[in-house]
Amino acid sequence: MLISRTLLDLDPAVRVKVITIITIDVHGRDVIEKMVQKKINNAGDFMWACQLKFEFNDIEAYGVKRESWRAQDQKTAICKIVDWWQEYS
């Protein structure tokens, strides 16, 4: 469905966004297919750990003190890969 939209007369910025979504989706499909073929079923497996992951979590879960301006229930976007993580900003 998205691929057919690239054939339409789209604004160049919209076309780039659609193609980017297609590329990310195909990459995700290929990664999952490879993990299924290799029978990856453990979160500690390197094949899983080396994938860039995003989550919303309380920053204090990472041992970081909450800034005073943040609401108590405010979640933070976290990017994670292998044993590295960074607050998304």
PDB file of N, CA and C in Angstrom:
ATOM      1  N   MET A   1       0.817  -1.191   0.000  1.00  0.00           N
ATOM      2  CA  MET A   1       0.000   0.000   0.000  1.00  0.00           C
ATOM      3  C   MET A   1       0.866   1.261   0.000  1.00  0.00           C
ATOM      4  N   LEU A   2       1.890   1.307   0.856  1.00  0.00           N
ATOM      5  CA  LEU A   2       2.762   2.481   0.879  1.00  0.00           C
ATOM      6  C   LEU A   2       3.538   2.625  -0.424  1.00  0.00           C
ATOM      7  N   ILE A   3       3.973   1.488  -0.989  1.00  0.00           N
ATOM      8  CA  ILE A   3       4.747   1.551  -2.225  1.00  0.00           C
ATOM      9  C   ILE A   3       3.932   2.189  -3.339  1.00  0.00           C
ATOM     10  N   SER A   4       2.649   1.864  -3.409  1.00  0.00           N
ATOM     11  CA  SER A   4       1.805   2.458  -4.452  1.00  0.00           C
ATOM     12  C   SER A   4       1.674   3.972  -4.264  1.00  0.00           C
ATOM     13  N   ARG A   5       1.790   4.431  -3.040  1.00  0.00           N
ATOM     14  CA  ARG A   5       1.707   5.884  -2.803  1.00  0.00           C
ATOM     15  C   ARG A   5       2.915   6.629  -3.360  1.00  0.00           C
ATOM     16  N   THR A   6       4.043   5.954  -3.476  1.00  0.00           N
ATOM     17  CA  THR A   6       5.219   6.628  -4.031  1.00  0.00           C
ATOM     18  C   THR A   6       5.035   6.925  -5.513  1.00  0.00           C
ATOM     19  N   LEU A   7       4.090   6.232  -6.165  1.00  0.00           N
ATOM     20  CA  LEU A   7       3.820   6.472  -7.580  1.00  0.00           C
ATOM     21  C   LEU A   7       2.932   7.697  -7.804  1.00  0.00           C
ATOM     22  N   LEU A   8       2.302   8.170  -6.729  1.00  0.00           N
ATOM     23  CA  LEU A   8       1.439   9.343  -6.833  1.00  0.00           C
ATOM     24  C   LEU A   8       2.260  10.611  -6.960  1.00  0.00           C
ATOM     25  N   ASP A   9       1.614  11.681  -7.326  1.00  0.00           N
ATOM     26  CA  ASP A   9       2.275  12.981  -7.429  1.00  0.00           C
ATOM     27  C   ASP A   9       2.372  13.567  -6.016  1.00  0.00           C
ATOM     28  N   LEU A  10       3.439  13.222  -5.321  1.00  0.00           N
ATOM     29  CA  LEU A  10       3.620  13.644  -3.932  1.00  0.00           C
ATOM     30  C   LEU A  10       4.591  14.814  -3.824  1.00  0.00           C
ATOM     31  N   ASP A  11       4.400  15.583  -2.786  1.00  0.00           N
ATOM     32  CA  ASP A  11       5.370  16.600  -2.424  1.00  0.00           C
ATOM     33  C   ASP A  11       6.700  15.870  -2.141  1.00  0.00           C
ATOM     34  N   PRO A  12       7.839  16.410  -2.580  1.00  0.00           N
ATOM     35  CA  PRO A  12       9.116  15.708  -2.380  1.00  0.00           C
ATOM     36  C   PRO A  12       9.400  15.331  -0.923  1.00  0.00           C
ATOM     37  N   ALA A  13       9.035  16.185   0.015  1.00  0.00           N
ATOM     38  CA  ALA A  13       9.275  15.871   1.429  1.00  0.00           C
ATOM     39  C   ALA A  13       8.412  14.691   1.880  1.00  0.00           C
ATOM     40  N   VAL A  14       7.181  14.631   1.420  1.00  0.00           N
ATOM     41  CA  VAL A  14       6.283  13.522   1.767  1.00  0.00           C
ATOM     42  C   VAL A  14       6.791  12.236   1.137  1.00  0.00           C
ATOM     43  N   ARG A  15       7.263  12.315  -0.103  1.00  0.00           N
ATOM     44  CA  ARG A  15       7.802  11.131  -0.785  1.00  0.00           C
ATOM     45  C   ARG A  15       8.988  10.562   0.012  1.00  0.00           C
ATOM     46  N   VAL A  16       9.873  11.419   0.481  1.00  0.00           N
ATOM     47  CA  VAL A  16      11.024  10.960   1.268  1.00  0.00           C
ATOM     48  C   VAL A  16      10.546  10.276   2.549  1.00  0.00           C
ATOM     49  N   LYS A  17       9.538  10.838   3.201  1.00  0.00           N
ATOM     50  CA  LYS A  17       9.008  10.233   4.427  1.00  0.00           C
ATOM     51  C   LYS A  17       8.417   8.855   4.158  1.00  0.00           C
ATOM     52  N   VAL A  18       7.660   8.722   3.082  1.00  0.00           N
ATOM     53  CA  VAL A  18       7.045   7.439   2.747  1.00  0.00           C
ATOM     54  C   VAL A  18       8.127   6.404   2.431  1.00  0.00           C
ATOM     55  N   ILE A  19       9.120   6.785   1.657  1.00  0.00           N
ATOM     56  CA  ILE A  19      10.209   5.864   1.317  1.00  0.00           C
ATOM     57  C   ILE A  19      10.993   5.473   2.566  1.00  0.00           C
ATOM     58  N   THR A  20      11.176   6.408   3.486  1.00  0.00           N
ATOM     59  CA  THR A  20      11.865   6.105   4.741  1.00  0.00           C
ATOM     60  C   THR A  20      11.077   5.088   5.558  1.00  0.00           C
ATOM     61  N   ILE A  21       9.765   5.260   5.640  1.00  0.00           N
ATOM     62  CA  ILE A  21       8.921   4.308   6.372  1.00  0.00           C
ATOM     63  C   ILE A  21       9.010   2.923   5.736  1.00  0.00           C
ATOM     64  N   ILE A  22       8.999   2.862   4.418  1.00  0.00           N
ATOM     65  CA  ILE A  22       9.114   1.581   3.720  1.00  0.00           C
ATOM     66  C   ILE A  22      10.454   0.929   4.043  1.00  0.00           C
ATOM     67  N   THR A  23      11.531   1.704   3.989  1.00  0.00           N
ATOM     68  CA  THR A  23      12.875   1.181   4.257  1.00  0.00           C
ATOM     69  C   THR A  23      12.972   0.633   5.677  1.00  0.00           C
ATOM     70  N   ILE A  24      12.466   1.372   6.656  1.00  0.00           N
ATOM     71  CA  ILE A  24      12.505   0.928   8.059  1.00  0.00           C
ATOM     72  C   ILE A  24      11.689  -0.348   8.224  1.00  0.00           C
ATOM     73  N   ASP A  25      10.530  -0.397   7.595  1.00  0.00           N
ATOM     74  CA  ASP A  25       9.666  -1.566   7.700  1.00  0.00           C
ATOM     75  C   ASP A  25      10.333  -2.807   7.090  1.00  0.00           C
ATOM     76  N   VAL A  26      10.930  -2.660   5.925  1.00  0.00           N
ATOM     77  CA  VAL A  26      11.603  -3.785   5.266  1.00  0.00           C
ATOM     78  C   VAL A  26      12.794  -4.252   6.103  1.00  0.00           C
ATOM     79  N   HIS A  27      13.539  -3.315   6.656  1.00  0.00           N
ATOM     80  CA  HIS A  27      14.677  -3.680   7.513  1.00  0.00           C
ATOM     81  C   HIS A  27      14.190  -4.472   8.729  1.00  0.00           C
ATOM     82  N   GLY A  28      13.130  -3.980   9.376  1.00  0.00           N
ATOM     83  CA  GLY A  28      12.574  -4.679  10.532  1.00  0.00           C
ATOM     84  C   GLY A  28      12.119  -6.083  10.178  1.00  0.00           C
ATOM     85  N   ARG A  29      11.457  -6.215   9.041  1.00  0.00           N
ATOM     86  CA  ARG A  29      11.013  -7.536   8.582  1.00  0.00           C
ATOM     87  C   ARG A  29      12.197  -8.476   8.384  1.00  0.00           C
ATOM     88  N   ASP A  30      13.265  -7.959   7.748  1.00  0.00           N
ATOM     89  CA  ASP A  30      14.438  -8.785   7.482  1.00  0.00           C
ATOM     90  C   ASP A  30      15.136  -9.207   8.778  1.00  0.00           C
ATOM     91  N   VAL A  31      15.218  -8.301   9.743  1.00  0.00           N
ATOM     92  CA  VAL A  31      15.851  -8.619  11.031  1.00  0.00           C
ATOM     93  C   VAL A  31      15.046  -9.704  11.752  1.00  0.00           C
ATOM     94  N   ILE A  32      13.720  -9.538  11.791  1.00  0.00           N
ATOM     95  CA  ILE A  32      12.871 -10.535  12.454  1.00  0.00           C
ATOM     96  C   ILE A  32      12.990 -11.881  11.750  1.00  0.00           C
ATOM     97  N   GLU A  33      12.986 -11.874  10.430  1.00  0.00           N
ATOM     98  CA  GLU A  33      13.118 -13.122   9.674  1.00  0.00           C
ATOM     99  C   GLU A  33      14.433 -13.826  10.010  1.00  0.00           C
ATOM    100  N   LYS A  34      15.518 -13.057  10.096  1.00  0.00           N
ATOM    101  CA  LYS A  34      16.823 -13.632  10.421  1.00  0.00           C
ATOM    102  C   LYS A  34      16.829 -14.218  11.840  1.00  0.00           C
ATOM    103  N   MET A  35      16.177 -13.515  12.788  1.00  0.00           N
ATOM    104  CA  MET A  35      16.112 -14.024  14.160  1.00  0.00           C
ATOM    105  C   MET A  35      15.287 -15.307  14.235  1.00  0.00           C
ATOM    106  N   VAL A  36      14.216 -15.378  13.475  1.00  0.00           N
ATOM    107  CA  VAL A  36      13.391 -16.599  13.449  1.00  0.00           C
ATOM    108  C   VAL A  36      14.205 -17.752  12.869  1.00  0.00           C
ATOM    109  N   GLN A  37      14.922 -17.504  11.780  1.00  0.00           N
ATOM    110  CA  GLN A  37      15.729 -18.551  11.151  1.00  0.00           C
ATOM    111  C   GLN A  37      16.804 -19.068  12.108  1.00  0.00           C
ATOM    112  N   LYS A  38      17.387 -18.159  12.893  1.00  0.00           N
ATOM    113  CA  LYS A  38      18.454 -18.550  13.834  1.00  0.00           C
ATOM    114  C   LYS A  38      17.900 -19.005  15.176  1.00  0.00           C
ATOM    115  N   LYS A  39      16.561 -19.018  15.291  1.00  0.00           N
ATOM    116  CA  LYS A  39      15.878 -19.457  16.514  1.00  0.00           C
ATOM    117  C   LYS A  39      16.312 -18.645  17.741  1.00  0.00           C
ATOM    118  N   ILE A  40      16.389 -17.344  17.578  1.00  0.00           N
ATOM    119  CA  ILE A  40      16.724 -16.446  18.693  1.00  0.00           C
ATOM    120  C   ILE A  40      15.489 -16.341  19.578  1.00  0.00           C
ATOM    121  N   ASN A  41      15.615 -16.756  20.842  1.00  0.00           N
ATOM    122  CA  ASN A  41      14.483 -16.682  21.757  1.00  0.00           C
ATOM    123  C   ASN A  41      14.897 -16.223  23.150  1.00  0.00           C
ATOM    124  N   ASN A  42      16.051 -15.604  23.244  1.00  0.00           N
ATOM    125  CA  ASN A  42      16.578 -15.162  24.526  1.00  0.00           C
ATOM    126  C   ASN A  42      16.972 -13.687  24.411  1.00  0.00           C
ATOM    127  N   ALA A  43      16.480 -12.865  25.317  1.00  0.00           N
ATOM    128  CA  ALA A  43      16.793 -11.433  25.275  1.00  0.00           C
ATOM    129  C   ALA A  43      18.279 -11.170  25.496  1.00  0.00           C
ATOM    130  N   GLY A  44      19.010 -12.134  26.028  1.00  0.00           N
ATOM    131  CA  GLY A  44      20.444 -11.967  26.232  1.00  0.00           C
ATOM    132  C   GLY A  44      21.272 -12.320  25.010  1.00  0.00           C
ATOM    133  N   ASP A  45      20.646 -12.828  23.970  1.00  0.00           N
ATOM    134  CA  ASP A  45      21.361 -13.189  22.749  1.00  0.00           C
ATOM    135  C   ASP A  45      21.864 -11.925  22.047  1.00  0.00           C
ATOM    136  N   PHE A  46      23.093 -11.968  21.549  1.00  0.00           N
ATOM    137  CA  PHE A  46      23.683 -10.776  20.925  1.00  0.00           C
ATOM    138  C   PHE A  46      22.881 -10.302  19.725  1.00  0.00           C
ATOM    139  N   MET A  47      22.326 -11.220  18.959  1.00  0.00           N
ATOM    140  CA  MET A  47      21.535 -10.838  17.775  1.00  0.00           C
ATOM    141  C   MET A  47      20.388  -9.904  18.174  1.00  0.00           C
ATOM    142  N   TRP A  48      19.782 -10.154  19.337  1.00  0.00           N
ATOM    143  CA  TRP A  48      18.719  -9.277  19.829  1.00  0.00           C
ATOM    144  C   TRP A  48      19.317  -8.016  20.451  1.00  0.00           C
ATOM    145  N   ALA A  49      20.366  -8.178  21.253  1.00  0.00           N
ATOM    146  CA  ALA A  49      20.959  -7.045  21.964  1.00  0.00           C
ATOM    147  C   ALA A  49      21.505  -5.982  21.012  1.00  0.00           C
ATOM    148  N   CYS A  50      21.967  -6.396  19.833  1.00  0.00           N
ATOM    149  CA  CYS A  50      22.592  -5.434  18.917  1.00  0.00           C
ATOM    150  C   CYS A  50      21.571  -4.650  18.098  1.00  0.00           C
ATOM    151  N   GLN A  51      20.281  -4.891  18.319  1.00  0.00           N
ATOM    152  CA  GLN A  51      19.244  -4.121  17.629  1.00  0.00           C
ATOM    153  C   GLN A  51      18.939  -2.848  18.415  1.00  0.00           C
ATOM    154  N   LEU A  52      18.812  -1.734  17.719  1.00  0.00           N
ATOM    155  CA  LEU A  52      18.452  -0.472  18.365  1.00  0.00           C
ATOM    156  C   LEU A  52      16.996  -0.547  18.790  1.00  0.00           C
ATOM    157  N   LYS A  53      16.761  -0.295  20.077  1.00  0.00           N
ATOM    158  CA  LYS A  53      15.411  -0.384  20.629  1.00  0.00           C
ATOM    159  C   LYS A  53      15.058   0.928  21.312  1.00  0.00           C
ATOM    160  N   PHE A  54      13.781   1.234  21.338  1.00  0.00           N
ATOM    161  CA  PHE A  54      13.289   2.441  21.986  1.00  0.00           C
ATOM    162  C   PHE A  54      12.261   2.042  23.026  1.00  0.00           C
ATOM    163  N   GLU A  55      12.242   2.762  24.135  1.00  0.00           N
ATOM    164  CA  GLU A  55      11.230   2.507  25.157  1.00  0.00           C
ATOM    165  C   GLU A  55      10.926   3.807  25.898  1.00  0.00           C
ATOM    166  N   PHE A  56       9.750   3.847  26.465  1.00  0.00           N
ATOM    167  CA  PHE A  56       9.393   4.933  27.368  1.00  0.00           C
ATOM    168  C   PHE A  56       9.474   4.367  28.770  1.00  0.00           C
ATOM    169  N   ASN A  57      10.247   5.016  29.616  1.00  0.00           N
ATOM    170  CA  ASN A  57      10.441   4.507  30.960  1.00  0.00           C
ATOM    171  C   ASN A  57      10.709   5.677  31.891  1.00  0.00           C
ATOM    172  N   ASP A  58      10.645   5.402  33.172  1.00  0.00           N
ATOM    173  CA  ASP A  58      11.017   6.392  34.177  1.00  0.00           C
ATOM    174  C   ASP A  58      12.542   6.483  34.168  1.00  0.00           C
ATOM    175  N   ILE A  59      13.089   7.650  34.010  1.00  0.00           N
ATOM    176  CA  ILE A  59      14.547   7.822  33.920  1.00  0.00           C
ATOM    177  C   ILE A  59      15.251   7.304  35.165  1.00  0.00           C
ATOM    178  N   GLU A  60      14.551   7.303  36.297  1.00  0.00           N
ATOM    179  CA  GLU A  60      15.155   6.799  37.535  1.00  0.00           C
ATOM    180  C   GLU A  60      15.406   5.293  37.471  1.00  0.00           C
ATOM    181  N   ALA A  61      14.726   4.597  36.570  1.00  0.00           N
ATOM    182  CA  ALA A  61      14.959   3.158  36.387  1.00  0.00           C
ATOM    183  C   ALA A  61      16.372   2.908  35.869  1.00  0.00           C
ATOM    184  N   TYR A  62      17.016   3.931  35.332  1.00  0.00           N
ATOM    185  CA  TYR A  62      18.379   3.824  34.820  1.00  0.00           C
ATOM    186  C   TYR A  62      19.403   4.405  35.785  1.00  0.00           C
ATOM    187  N   GLY A  63      18.966   4.687  37.010  1.00  0.00           N
ATOM    188  CA  GLY A  63      19.884   5.201  38.024  1.00  0.00           C
ATOM    189  C   GLY A  63      20.183   6.684  37.868  1.00  0.00           C
ATOM    190  N   VAL A  64      19.349   7.400  37.122  1.00  0.00           N
ATOM    191  CA  VAL A  64      19.550   8.828  36.902  1.00  0.00           C
ATOM    192  C   VAL A  64      18.545   9.590  37.751  1.00  0.00           C
ATOM    193  N   LYS A  65      19.024  10.585  38.468  1.00  0.00           N
ATOM    194  CA  LYS A  65      18.134  11.390  39.303  1.00  0.00           C
ATOM    195  C   LYS A  65      17.218  12.230  38.411  1.00  0.00           C
ATOM    196  N   ARG A  66      15.958  12.260  38.773  1.00  0.00           N
ATOM    197  CA  ARG A  66      14.966  13.026  38.016  1.00  0.00           C
ATOM    198  C   ARG A  66      15.229  14.526  38.214  1.00  0.00           C
ATOM    199  N   GLU A  67      15.214  15.285  37.108  1.00  0.00           N
ATOM    200  CA  GLU A  67      15.350  16.730  37.195  1.00  0.00           C
ATOM    201  C   GLU A  67      14.118  17.300  37.890  1.00  0.00           C
ATOM    202  N   SER A  68      14.290  18.396  38.607  1.00  0.00           N
ATOM    203  CA  SER A  68      13.199  18.963  39.400  1.00  0.00           C
ATOM    204  C   SER A  68      12.032  19.437  38.539  1.00  0.00           C
ATOM    205  N   TRP A  69      12.285  19.775  37.280  1.00  0.00           N
ATOM    206  CA  TRP A  69      11.216  20.278  36.421  1.00  0.00           C
ATOM    207  C   TRP A  69      10.346  19.167  35.847  1.00  0.00           C
ATOM    208  N   ARG A  70      10.771  17.913  35.973  1.00  0.00           N
ATOM    209  CA  ARG A  70       9.990  16.807  35.420  1.00  0.00           C
ATOM    210  C   ARG A  70       8.872  16.400  36.373  1.00  0.00           C
ATOM    211  N   ALA A  71       7.723  16.115  35.810  1.00  0.00           N
ATOM    212  CA  ALA A  71       6.607  15.615  36.605  1.00  0.00           C
ATOM    213  C   ALA A  71       6.953  14.210  37.112  1.00  0.00           C
ATOM    214  N   GLN A  72       6.410  13.843  38.256  1.00  0.00           N
ATOM    215  CA  GLN A  72       6.701  12.540  38.855  1.00  0.00           C
ATOM    216  C   GLN A  72       6.330  11.373  37.943  1.00  0.00           C
ATOM    217  N   ASP A  73       5.250  11.533  37.188  1.00  0.00           N
ATOM    218  CA  ASP A  73       4.795  10.426  36.347  1.00  0.00           C
ATOM    219  C   ASP A  73       5.247  10.553  34.887  1.00  0.00           C
ATOM    220  N   GLN A  74       6.150  11.503  34.608  1.00  0.00           N
ATOM    221  CA  GLN A  74       6.597  11.716  33.231  1.00  0.00           C
ATOM    222  C   GLN A  74       7.574  10.626  32.810  1.00  0.00           C
ATOM    223  N   LYS A  75       7.289  10.004  31.685  1.00  0.00           N
ATOM    224  CA  LYS A  75       8.175   8.980  31.131  1.00  0.00           C
ATOM    225  C   LYS A  75       9.187   9.640  30.202  1.00  0.00           C
ATOM    226  N   THR A  76      10.293   8.955  29.968  1.00  0.00           N
ATOM    227  CA  THR A  76      11.369   9.462  29.132  1.00  0.00           C
ATOM    228  C   THR A  76      11.605   8.489  27.986  1.00  0.00           C
ATOM    229  N   ALA A  77      11.843   8.997  26.797  1.00  0.00           N
ATOM    230  CA  ALA A  77      12.184   8.144  25.664  1.00  0.00           C
ATOM    231  C   ALA A  77      13.643   7.735  25.795  1.00  0.00           C
ATOM    232  N   ILE A  78      13.886   6.439  25.758  1.00  0.00           N
ATOM    233  CA  ILE A  78      15.225   5.886  25.917  1.00  0.00           C
ATOM    234  C   ILE A  78      15.578   5.096  24.660  1.00  0.00           C
ATOM    235  N   CYS A  79      16.786   5.323  24.132  1.00  0.00           N
ATOM    236  CA  CYS A  79      17.329   4.528  23.023  1.00  0.00           C
ATOM    237  C   CYS A  79      18.322   3.545  23.632  1.00  0.00           C
ATOM    238  N   LYS A  80      18.218   2.265  23.248  1.00  0.00           N
ATOM    239  CA  LYS A  80      19.093   1.245  23.824  1.00  0.00           C
ATOM    240  C   LYS A  80      19.669   0.370  22.723  1.00  0.00           C
ATOM    241  N   ILE A  81      20.935  -0.007  22.917  1.00  0.00           N
ATOM    242  CA  ILE A  81      21.574  -0.995  22.050  1.00  0.00           C
ATOM    243  C   ILE A  81      22.702  -1.639  22.841  1.00  0.00           C
ATOM    244  N   VAL A  82      22.791  -2.954  22.802  1.00  0.00           N
ATOM    245  CA  VAL A  82      23.741  -3.763  23.563  1.00  0.00           C
ATOM    246  C   VAL A  82      23.701  -3.299  25.022  1.00  0.00           C
ATOM    247  N   ASP A  83      24.809  -2.780  25.567  1.00  0.00           N
ATOM    248  CA  ASP A  83      24.806  -2.339  26.961  1.00  0.00           C
ATOM    249  C   ASP A  83      24.843  -0.810  27.083  1.00  0.00           C
ATOM    250  N   TRP A  84      24.507  -0.103  26.018  1.00  0.00           N
ATOM    251  CA  TRP A  84      24.495   1.363  26.005  1.00  0.00           C
ATOM    252  C   TRP A  84      23.066   1.858  25.945  1.00  0.00           C
ATOM    253  N   TRP A  85      22.799   2.956  26.618  1.00  0.00           N
ATOM    254  CA  TRP A  85      21.507   3.610  26.524  1.00  0.00           C
ATOM    255  C   TRP A  85      21.708   5.112  26.594  1.00  0.00           C
ATOM    256  N   GLN A  86      20.764   5.840  26.034  1.00  0.00           N
ATOM    257  CA  GLN A  86      20.831   7.300  26.040  1.00  0.00           C
ATOM    258  C   GLN A  86      19.406   7.834  26.041  1.00  0.00           C
ATOM    259  N   GLU A  87      19.204   8.871  26.817  1.00  0.00           N
ATOM    260  CA  GLU A  87      17.914   9.537  26.785  1.00  0.00           C
ATOM    261  C   GLU A  87      17.755  10.209  25.426  1.00  0.00           C
ATOM    262  N   TYR A  88      16.613  10.012  24.796  1.00  0.00           N
ATOM    263  CA  TYR A  88      16.357  10.615  23.501  1.00  0.00           C
ATOM    264  C   TYR A  88      16.031  12.088  23.715  1.00  0.00           C
ATOM    265  N   SER A  89      16.721  12.937  22.996  1.00  0.00           N
ATOM    266  CA  SER A  89      16.434  14.375  23.123  1.00  0.00           C
ATOM    267  C   SER A  89      16.657  15.087  21.817  1.00  0.00           C
TER     268      SER A  89
END
